[in-house]
PDB file of N, CA and C in Angstrom:
ATOM      1  N   MET A   1      17.975  -4.479  90.748  1.00  0.00           N
ATOM      2  CA  MET A   1      18.980  -5.215  90.826  1.00  0.00           C
ATOM      3  C   MET A   1      20.573  -4.634  89.536  1.00  0.00           C
ATOM      4  N   ALA A   2      21.095  -4.784  90.604  1.00  0.00           N
ATOM      5  CA  ALA A   2      22.237  -3.554  89.975  1.00  0.00           C
ATOM      6  C   ALA A   2      23.295  -4.706  89.242  1.00  0.00           C
ATOM      7  N   GLY A   3      23.535  -4.740  88.048  1.00  0.00           N
ATOM      8  CA  GLY A   3      24.419  -5.976  87.661  1.00  0.00           C
ATOM      9  C   GLY A   3      24.374  -7.254  87.518  1.00  0.00           C
ATOM     10  N   GLY A   4      22.793  -7.468  87.795  1.00  0.00           N
ATOM     11  CA  GLY A   4      22.370  -8.667  87.231  1.00  0.00           C
ATOM     12  C   GLY A   4      21.763  -9.364  86.182  1.00  0.00           C
ATOM     13  N   PHE A   5      21.471 -10.222  86.252  1.00  0.00           N
ATOM     14  CA  PHE A   5      20.561 -10.831  84.776  1.00  0.00           C
ATOM     15  C   PHE A   5      19.278 -11.032  85.140  1.00  0.00           C
ATOM     16  N   THR A   6      18.263 -10.718  84.564  1.00  0.00           N
ATOM     17  CA  THR A   6      16.934 -11.091  84.769  1.00  0.00           C
ATOM     18  C   THR A   6      16.819 -12.429  84.218  1.00  0.00           C
ATOM     19  N   ALA A   7      15.791 -13.021  84.449  1.00  0.00           N
ATOM     20  CA  ALA A   7      15.449 -14.537  84.368  1.00  0.00           C
ATOM     21  C   ALA A   7      14.705 -14.546  82.610  1.00  0.00           C
ATOM     22  N   ILE A   8      14.419 -14.177  82.201  1.00  0.00           N
ATOM     23  CA  ILE A   8      14.454 -13.676  80.799  1.00  0.00           C
ATOM     24  C   ILE A   8      15.632 -13.730  80.038  1.00  0.00           C
ATOM     25  N   GLU A   9      16.561 -12.874  80.648  1.00  0.00           N
ATOM     26  CA  GLU A   9      18.154 -12.719  80.036  1.00  0.00           C
ATOM     27  C   GLU A   9      18.452 -14.006  79.930  1.00  0.00           C
ATOM     28  N   ASN A  10      18.737 -14.753  81.385  1.00  0.00           N
ATOM     29  CA  ASN A  10      19.116 -15.994  81.593  1.00  0.00           C
ATOM     30  C   ASN A  10      18.322 -17.114  80.767  1.00  0.00           C
ATOM     31  N   GLU A  11      17.337 -17.088  80.293  1.00  0.00           N
ATOM     32  CA  GLU A  11      16.683 -18.027  79.575  1.00  0.00           C
ATOM     33  C   GLU A  11      17.085 -17.827  78.156  1.00  0.00           C
ATOM     34  N   GLU A  12      17.189 -16.731  77.645  1.00  0.00           N
ATOM     35  CA  GLU A  12      17.605 -16.259  76.531  1.00  0.00           C
ATOM     36  C   GLU A  12      19.016 -16.807  76.167  1.00  0.00           C
ATOM     37  N   ALA A  13      20.112 -16.763  77.254  1.00  0.00           N
ATOM     38  CA  ALA A  13      21.468 -17.199  77.145  1.00  0.00           C
ATOM     39  C   ALA A  13      21.367 -18.460  76.818  1.00  0.00           C
ATOM     40  N   ARG A  14      20.415 -19.358  77.648  1.00  0.00           N
ATOM     41  CA  ARG A  14      20.775 -20.906  77.532  1.00  0.00           C
ATOM     42  C   ARG A  14      20.042 -21.478  76.323  1.00  0.00           C
ATOM     43  N   GLN A  15      19.312 -20.563  75.640  1.00  0.00           N
ATOM     44  CA  GLN A  15      18.735 -20.957  74.719  1.00  0.00           C
ATOM     45  C   GLN A  15      19.751 -21.196  73.423  1.00  0.00           C
ATOM     46  N   ILE A  16      20.313 -19.687  73.267  1.00  0.00           N
ATOM     47  CA  ILE A  16      21.594 -19.485  72.559  1.00  0.00           C
ATOM     48  C   ILE A  16      22.574 -20.715  72.361  1.00  0.00           C
ATOM     49  N   ILE A  17      23.000 -20.909  74.010  1.00  0.00           N
ATOM     50  CA  ILE A  17      24.141 -21.841  74.192  1.00  0.00           C
ATOM     51  C   ILE A  17      23.911 -23.240  73.607  1.00  0.00           C
ATOM     52  N   TRP A  18      22.388 -23.588  73.939  1.00  0.00           N
ATOM     53  CA  TRP A  18      21.902 -24.825  73.593  1.00  0.00           C
ATOM     54  C   TRP A  18      22.155 -25.001  71.830  1.00  0.00           C
ATOM     55  N   VAL A  19      21.476 -23.932  71.486  1.00  0.00           N
ATOM     56  CA  VAL A  19      21.504 -23.901  70.007  1.00  0.00           C
ATOM     57  C   VAL A  19      22.615 -24.743  69.275  1.00  0.00           C
ATOM     58  N   GLN A  20      23.729 -23.640  69.981  1.00  0.00           N
ATOM     59  CA  GLN A  20      25.318 -23.946  69.431  1.00  0.00           C
ATOM     60  C   GLN A  20      25.930 -25.358  69.723  1.00  0.00           C
ATOM     61  N   GLU A  21      25.393 -25.589  70.841  1.00  0.00           N
ATOM     62  CA  GLU A  21      25.570 -27.082  71.571  1.00  0.00           C
ATOM     63  C   GLU A  21      25.111 -28.304  70.659  1.00  0.00           C
ATOM     64  N   HIS A  22      23.898 -27.645  70.468  1.00  0.00           N
ATOM     65  CA  HIS A  22      23.066 -28.735  69.401  1.00  0.00           C
ATOM     66  C   HIS A  22      23.776 -29.326  67.822  1.00  0.00           C
ATOM     67  N   LYS A  23      24.003 -27.719  67.231  1.00  0.00           N
ATOM     68  CA  LYS A  23      24.530 -27.613  66.053  1.00  0.00           C
ATOM     69  C   LYS A  23      25.863 -28.578  65.918  1.00  0.00           C
ATOM     70  N   PHE A  24      26.957 -27.867  67.129  1.00  0.00           N
ATOM     71  CA  PHE A  24      28.012 -29.076  67.038  1.00  0.00           C
ATOM     72  C   PHE A  24      28.054 -30.572  67.053  1.00  0.00           C
ATOM     73  N   ALA A  25      26.997 -30.890  68.163  1.00  0.00           N
ATOM     74  CA  ALA A  25      26.937 -32.221  68.085  1.00  0.00           C
ATOM     75  C   ALA A  25      26.535 -32.972  66.879  1.00  0.00           C
ATOM     76  N   PHE A  26      25.418 -32.267  66.249  1.00  0.00           N
ATOM     77  CA  PHE A  26      24.941 -32.985  65.038  1.00  0.00           C
ATOM     78  C   PHE A  26      25.637 -33.231  63.995  1.00  0.00           C
ATOM     79  N   GLU A  27      26.644 -32.029  64.066  1.00  0.00           N
ATOM     80  CA  GLU A  27      27.404 -31.654  62.728  1.00  0.00           C
ATOM     81  C   GLU A  27      28.774 -32.917  62.801  1.00  0.00           C
ATOM     82  N   HIS A  28      28.920 -32.874  63.924  1.00  0.00           N
ATOM     83  CA  HIS A  28      30.268 -33.826  64.428  1.00  0.00           C
ATOM     84  C   HIS A  28      29.800 -35.802  64.406  1.00  0.00           C
ATOM     85  N   SER A  29      28.314 -35.753  64.630  1.00  0.00           N
ATOM     86  CA  SER A  29      27.720 -36.722  64.639  1.00  0.00           C
ATOM     87  C   SER A  29      27.865 -37.401  63.360  1.00  0.00           C
ATOM     88  N   ASN A  30      27.315 -36.349  62.124  1.00  0.00           N
ATOM     89  CA  ASN A  30      27.171 -36.662  61.102  1.00  0.00           C
ATOM     90  C   ASN A  30      28.541 -37.270  60.514  1.00  0.00           C
ATOM     91  N   LEU A  31      29.812 -36.540  61.138  1.00  0.00           N
ATOM     92  CA  LEU A  31      31.035 -36.826  60.422  1.00  0.00           C
ATOM     93  C   LEU A  31      31.612 -38.178  60.950  1.00  0.00           C
ATOM     94  N   ASP A  32      31.051 -38.627  62.204  1.00  0.00           N
ATOM     95  CA  ASP A  32      31.372 -40.271  62.354  1.00  0.00           C
ATOM     96  C   ASP A  32      30.554 -41.003  61.727  1.00  0.00           C
ATOM     97  N   VAL A  33      29.428 -40.989  61.510  1.00  0.00           N
ATOM     98  CA  VAL A  33      28.955 -42.058  60.854  1.00  0.00           C
ATOM     99  C   VAL A  33      29.179 -41.880  59.613  1.00  0.00           C
ATOM    100  N   ARG A  34      29.679 -40.704  58.867  1.00  0.00           N
ATOM    101  CA  ARG A  34      30.563 -41.337  57.298  1.00  0.00           C
ATOM    102  C   ARG A  34      31.325 -42.173  57.540  1.00  0.00           C
ATOM    103  N   SER A  35      32.092 -42.746  58.596  1.00  0.00           N
ATOM    104  CA  SER A  35      32.933 -44.144  58.495  1.00  0.00           C
ATOM    105  C   SER A  35      32.276 -45.028  58.451  1.00  0.00           C
ATOM    106  N   ILE A  36      31.146 -44.833  58.895  1.00  0.00           N
ATOM    107  CA  ILE A  36      30.114 -46.555  59.356  1.00  0.00           C
ATOM    108  C   ILE A  36      29.473 -46.436  58.091  1.00  0.00           C
ATOM    109  N   PHE A  37      28.836 -45.781  57.401  1.00  0.00           N
ATOM    110  CA  PHE A  37      27.865 -45.854  56.361  1.00  0.00           C
ATOM    111  C   PHE A  37      28.400 -45.128  54.821  1.00  0.00           C
ATOM    112  N   ASN A  38      27.828 -45.894  54.042  1.00  0.00           N
ATOM    113  CA  ASN A  38      28.476 -45.719  52.478  1.00  0.00           C
ATOM    114  C   ASN A  38      26.904 -45.088  51.465  1.00  0.00           C
ATOM    115  N   ARG A  39      27.319 -44.530  50.706  1.00  0.00           N
ATOM    116  CA  ARG A  39      26.005 -43.968  49.673  1.00  0.00           C
ATOM    117  C   ARG A  39      26.361 -44.958  48.291  1.00  0.00           C
ATOM    118  N   CYS A  40      25.087 -45.751  48.506  1.00  0.00           N
ATOM    119  CA  CYS A  40      24.856 -46.214  46.933  1.00  0.00           C
ATOM    120  C   CYS A  40      25.170 -45.608  45.859  1.00  0.00           C
ATOM    121  N   GLN A  41      25.794 -45.699  44.908  1.00  0.00           N
ATOM    122  CA  GLN A  41      26.212 -44.982  43.549  1.00  0.00           C
ATOM    123  C   GLN A  41      25.017 -45.401  42.652  1.00  0.00           C
ATOM    124  N   LYS A  42      24.267 -46.608  43.007  1.00  0.00           N
ATOM    125  CA  LYS A  42      23.192 -46.603  41.955  1.00  0.00           C
ATOM    126  C   LYS A  42      21.741 -45.954  42.436  1.00  0.00           C
ATOM    127  N   CYS A  43      21.473 -46.825  43.850  1.00  0.00           N
ATOM    128  CA  CYS A  43      19.928 -46.060  44.105  1.00  0.00           C
ATOM    129  C   CYS A  43      19.997 -45.290  45.535  1.00  0.00           C
ATOM    130  N   GLY A  44      20.894 -44.757  45.619  1.00  0.00           N
ATOM    131  CA  GLY A  44      21.383 -43.474  46.651  1.00  0.00           C
ATOM    132  C   GLY A  44      20.627 -43.935  47.916  1.00  0.00           C
ATOM    133  N   LYS A  45      20.750 -45.013  48.461  1.00  0.00           N
ATOM    134  CA  LYS A  45      20.478 -45.342  49.808  1.00  0.00           C
ATOM    135  C   LYS A  45      21.725 -45.384  50.471  1.00  0.00           C
ATOM    136  N   TRP A  46      21.402 -44.826  51.792  1.00  0.00           N
ATOM    137  CA  TRP A  46      22.763 -45.206  52.741  1.00  0.00           C
ATOM    138  C   TRP A  46      22.841 -46.363  53.446  1.00  0.00           C
ATOM    139  N   VAL A  47      24.163 -47.072  53.260  1.00  0.00           N
ATOM    140  CA  VAL A  47      23.564 -48.717  54.019  1.00  0.00           C
ATOM    141  C   VAL A  47      25.153 -48.680  54.447  1.00  0.00           C
ATOM    142  N   CYS A  48      25.424 -49.562  55.942  1.00  0.00           N
ATOM    143  CA  CYS A  48      25.995 -50.061  56.309  1.00  0.00           C
ATOM    144  C   CYS A  48      27.168 -50.529  55.658  1.00  0.00           C
ATOM    145  N   ASN A  49      28.373 -50.548  56.292  1.00  0.00           N
ATOM    146  CA  ASN A  49      29.679 -50.968  55.329  1.00  0.00           C
ATOM    147  C   ASN A  49      29.226 -52.355  55.047  1.00  0.00           C
ATOM    148  N   GLU A  50      28.732 -53.528  55.992  1.00  0.00           N
ATOM    149  CA  GLU A  50      28.345 -55.118  55.668  1.00  0.00           C
ATOM    150  C   GLU A  50      27.879 -55.098  54.647  1.00  0.00           C
ATOM    151  N   CYS A  51      26.686 -54.127  54.266  1.00  0.00           N
ATOM    152  CA  CYS A  51      25.539 -54.151  53.147  1.00  0.00           C
ATOM    153  C   CYS A  51      26.234 -53.774  51.836  1.00  0.00           C
ATOM    154  N   TYR A  52      27.441 -53.030  51.852  1.00  0.00           N
ATOM    155  CA  TYR A  52      27.861 -52.271  50.827  1.00  0.00           C
ATOM    156  C   TYR A  52      29.109 -53.104  49.873  1.00  0.00           C
ATOM    157  N   GLU A  53      29.104 -53.138  48.667  1.00  0.00           N
ATOM    158  CA  GLU A  53      30.055 -53.721  48.113  1.00  0.00           C
ATOM    159  C   GLU A  53      31.243 -52.679  47.786  1.00  0.00           C
ATOM    160  N   MET A  54      32.434 -52.523  47.989  1.00  0.00           N
ATOM    161  CA  MET A  54      33.264 -51.483  48.172  1.00  0.00           C
ATOM    162  C   MET A  54      33.845 -51.698  46.820  1.00  0.00           C
ATOM    163  N   GLU A  55      34.104 -52.686  46.030  1.00  0.00           N
ATOM    164  CA  GLU A  55      34.337 -52.844  44.617  1.00  0.00           C
ATOM    165  C   GLU A  55      33.857 -52.064  43.705  1.00  0.00           C
ATOM    166  N   ASP A  56      32.266 -52.404  44.012  1.00  0.00           N
ATOM    167  CA  ASP A  56      31.217 -52.050  42.943  1.00  0.00           C
ATOM    168  C   ASP A  56      30.760 -50.639  42.986  1.00  0.00           C
ATOM    169  N   GLY A  57      30.886 -50.300  44.284  1.00  0.00           N
ATOM    170  CA  GLY A  57      30.133 -48.947  45.239  1.00  0.00           C
ATOM    171  C   GLY A  57      29.108 -49.131  45.089  1.00  0.00           C
ATOM    172  N   VAL A  58      28.264 -50.545  45.265  1.00  0.00           N
ATOM    173  CA  VAL A  58      26.260 -50.408  45.144  1.00  0.00           C
ATOM    174  C   VAL A  58      26.499 -50.776  46.692  1.00  0.00           C
ATOM    175  N   CYS A  59      24.714 -51.080  47.026  1.00  0.00           N
ATOM    176  CA  CYS A  59      24.683 -51.667  48.056  1.00  0.00           C
ATOM    177  C   CYS A  59      24.440 -53.052  47.425  1.00  0.00           C
ATOM    178  N   ASP A  60      24.401 -53.929  48.584  1.00  0.00           N
ATOM    179  CA  ASP A  60      23.929 -55.446  48.512  1.00  0.00           C
ATOM    180  C   ASP A  60      22.349 -55.597  47.727  1.00  0.00           C
ATOM    181  N   GLU A  61      21.643 -54.992  47.894  1.00  0.00           N
ATOM    182  CA  GLU A  61      20.236 -55.246  47.127  1.00  0.00           C
ATOM    183  C   GLU A  61      20.440 -55.057  45.561  1.00  0.00           C
ATOM    184  N   CYS A  62      21.411 -53.813  45.202  1.00  0.00           N
ATOM    185  CA  CYS A  62      21.345 -53.581  43.832  1.00  0.00           C
ATOM    186  C   CYS A  62      22.455 -54.246  43.631  1.00  0.00           C
ATOM    187  N   ASN A  63      23.407 -54.864  43.987  1.00  0.00           N
ATOM    188  CA  ASN A  63      24.348 -55.837  43.376  1.00  0.00           C
ATOM    189  C   ASN A  63      23.593 -56.747  42.981  1.00  0.00           C
ATOM    190  N   ARG A  64      22.720 -57.360  43.746  1.00  0.00           N
ATOM    191  CA  ARG A  64      21.801 -58.679  43.644  1.00  0.00           C
ATOM    192  C   ARG A  64      20.726 -58.615  42.262  1.00  0.00           C
ATOM    193  N   GLY A  65      20.564 -57.297  42.053  1.00  0.00           N
ATOM    194  CA  GLY A  65      19.558 -56.995  41.089  1.00  0.00           C
ATOM    195  C   GLY A  65      18.245 -56.779  41.343  1.00  0.00           C
ATOM    196  N   PHE A  66      17.945 -56.635  42.933  1.00  0.00           N
ATOM    197  CA  PHE A  66      16.751 -56.158  43.691  1.00  0.00           C
ATOM    198  C   PHE A  66      16.314 -54.791  43.337  1.00  0.00           C
TER     199      PHE A  66
END
């Protein structure tokens, strides 16, 4: 088999490429959600923009004292 790849070499190459693509997609997704979610400065939970008080920097639960 001159110049060709074995099945094992092809599988290893596919796994390396998959890991790289998965890592890139994961990092890209994390950056995307940062604009949608906020971390409460009081309890540390991640909450959506609707459940977050921008002025106070806290989630609705902490703002209401729950």
